[in-house]
Protein backbone atom coordinates (compact mmCIF):
# COMPACT_ATOMS: atom_id res chain seq x y z
CA ASP A 1 0.11 7.28 -7.09
CA ALA A 2 -0.76 5.31 -4.08
CA THR A 3 2.07 2.56 -3.56
CA SER A 4 2.23 0.52 -0.31
CA GLY A 5 -0.60 3.06 1.39
CA GLU A 6 1.35 5.85 0.93
CA ILE A 7 1.02 8.94 -1.06
CA ASN A 8 3.42 11.55 -1.80
CA PHE A 9 2.56 14.77 -1.90
CA GLY A 10 6.14 16.10 -2.36
CA THR A 11 8.10 18.97 -1.56
CA VAL A 12 5.76 21.54 0.27
CA LEU A 13 6.85 24.78 2.16
CA VAL A 14 5.05 26.01 5.00
CA GLY A 15 2.15 28.46 4.31
CA VAL A 16 1.84 27.50 0.26
CA THR A 17 -1.21 29.18 -1.27
CA PRO A 18 -2.73 27.03 -3.26
CA ALA A 19 -2.16 24.00 -1.37
CA PRO A 20 -1.35 20.98 -2.88
CA GLU A 21 -4.11 18.14 -3.90
CA ILE A 22 -4.26 14.72 -4.62
CA GLN A 23 -7.05 13.13 -5.55
CA ILE A 24 -7.33 8.99 -5.38
CA THR A 25 -10.38 6.91 -6.85
CA LEU A 26 -12.02 3.94 -4.49
CA HIS A 27 -13.63 1.10 -7.16
CA ASN A 28 -15.55 -1.35 -5.34
CA VAL A 29 -14.61 -4.54 -7.54
CA ASP A 30 -17.19 -6.55 -4.96
CA ASN A 31 -20.66 -7.82 -5.53
CA VAL A 32 -21.96 -5.98 -2.19
CA PRO A 33 -22.26 -2.93 -1.03
CA LEU A 34 -18.33 -1.37 0.88
CA ASP A 35 -19.11 0.43 3.82
CA ILE A 36 -16.12 2.74 4.78
CA SER A 37 -16.12 4.24 8.43
CA HIS A 38 -12.95 5.98 8.62
CA GLY A 39 -9.86 6.92 7.50
CA TYR A 40 -6.16 7.09 9.14
CA PHE A 41 -3.81 10.13 8.41
CA ALA A 42 -0.39 9.95 9.75
CA THR A 43 0.65 13.25 11.05
CA THR A 44 2.83 14.29 13.95
CA GLY A 45 1.78 16.93 16.69
CA THR A 46 -2.48 17.01 16.96
CA VAL A 47 -2.92 19.01 14.05
CA SER A 48 -3.57 17.21 10.87
CA PRO A 49 -2.43 18.98 7.74
CA PHE A 50 -4.83 17.20 5.51
CA THR A 51 -8.28 17.72 4.72
CA MET A 52 -10.58 16.51 2.40
CA VAL A 53 -12.36 18.37 0.02
CA ALA A 54 -15.54 17.90 -2.57
CA GLY A 55 -13.74 19.66 -5.74
CA ASP A 56 -15.30 20.11 -9.27
CA ASP A 57 -16.63 16.25 -9.46
CA SER A 58 -18.29 16.01 -5.68
CA CYS A 59 -15.32 13.82 -4.22
CA TRP A 60 -16.59 12.58 -0.44
CA THR A 61 -16.10 15.00 2.13
CA THR A 62 -16.06 13.12 4.79
CA PHE A 63 -16.28 9.23 5.97
CA ASP A 64 -19.48 6.82 6.95
CA GLN A 65 -19.76 6.37 3.30
CA THR A 66 -21.48 3.14 1.40
CA LEU A 67 -19.74 2.18 -2.08
CA ALA A 68 -22.56 0.37 -4.25
CA GLU A 69 -21.24 -2.60 -5.53
CA ASP A 70 -19.06 -2.25 -8.66
CA GLY A 71 -19.03 1.86 -7.63
CA THR A 72 -16.66 4.21 -7.86
CA ALA A 73 -15.98 7.34 -5.69
CA CYS A 74 -13.19 9.85 -5.05
CA LEU A 75 -11.34 11.12 -2.26
CA ARG A 76 -9.61 14.77 -2.71
CA PHE A 77 -7.23 15.65 -0.18
CA VAL A 78 -5.44 19.28 0.46
CA PHE A 79 -1.65 19.12 2.53
CA ASN A 80 -1.54 22.42 4.03
CA PRO A 81 1.24 22.16 7.14
CA THR A 82 1.32 25.05 9.42
């Protein structure tokens, strides 16, 4: 669940396989298409431990997408710290 812009993957050990995944569903409640150009991942260092993956339900794997009016899309993230 996203609360105040934060998503918690819980305690994750370095190098755990499979890495934990979290899925977010976006819903455009407006009457116009919504352009989403990028996302921000709060990380430390130069290598992000987050990866967007498609999964079984064709979640977006990149940004620069347009969400249709009253449309939905999913974003699935894998967290794999090194």
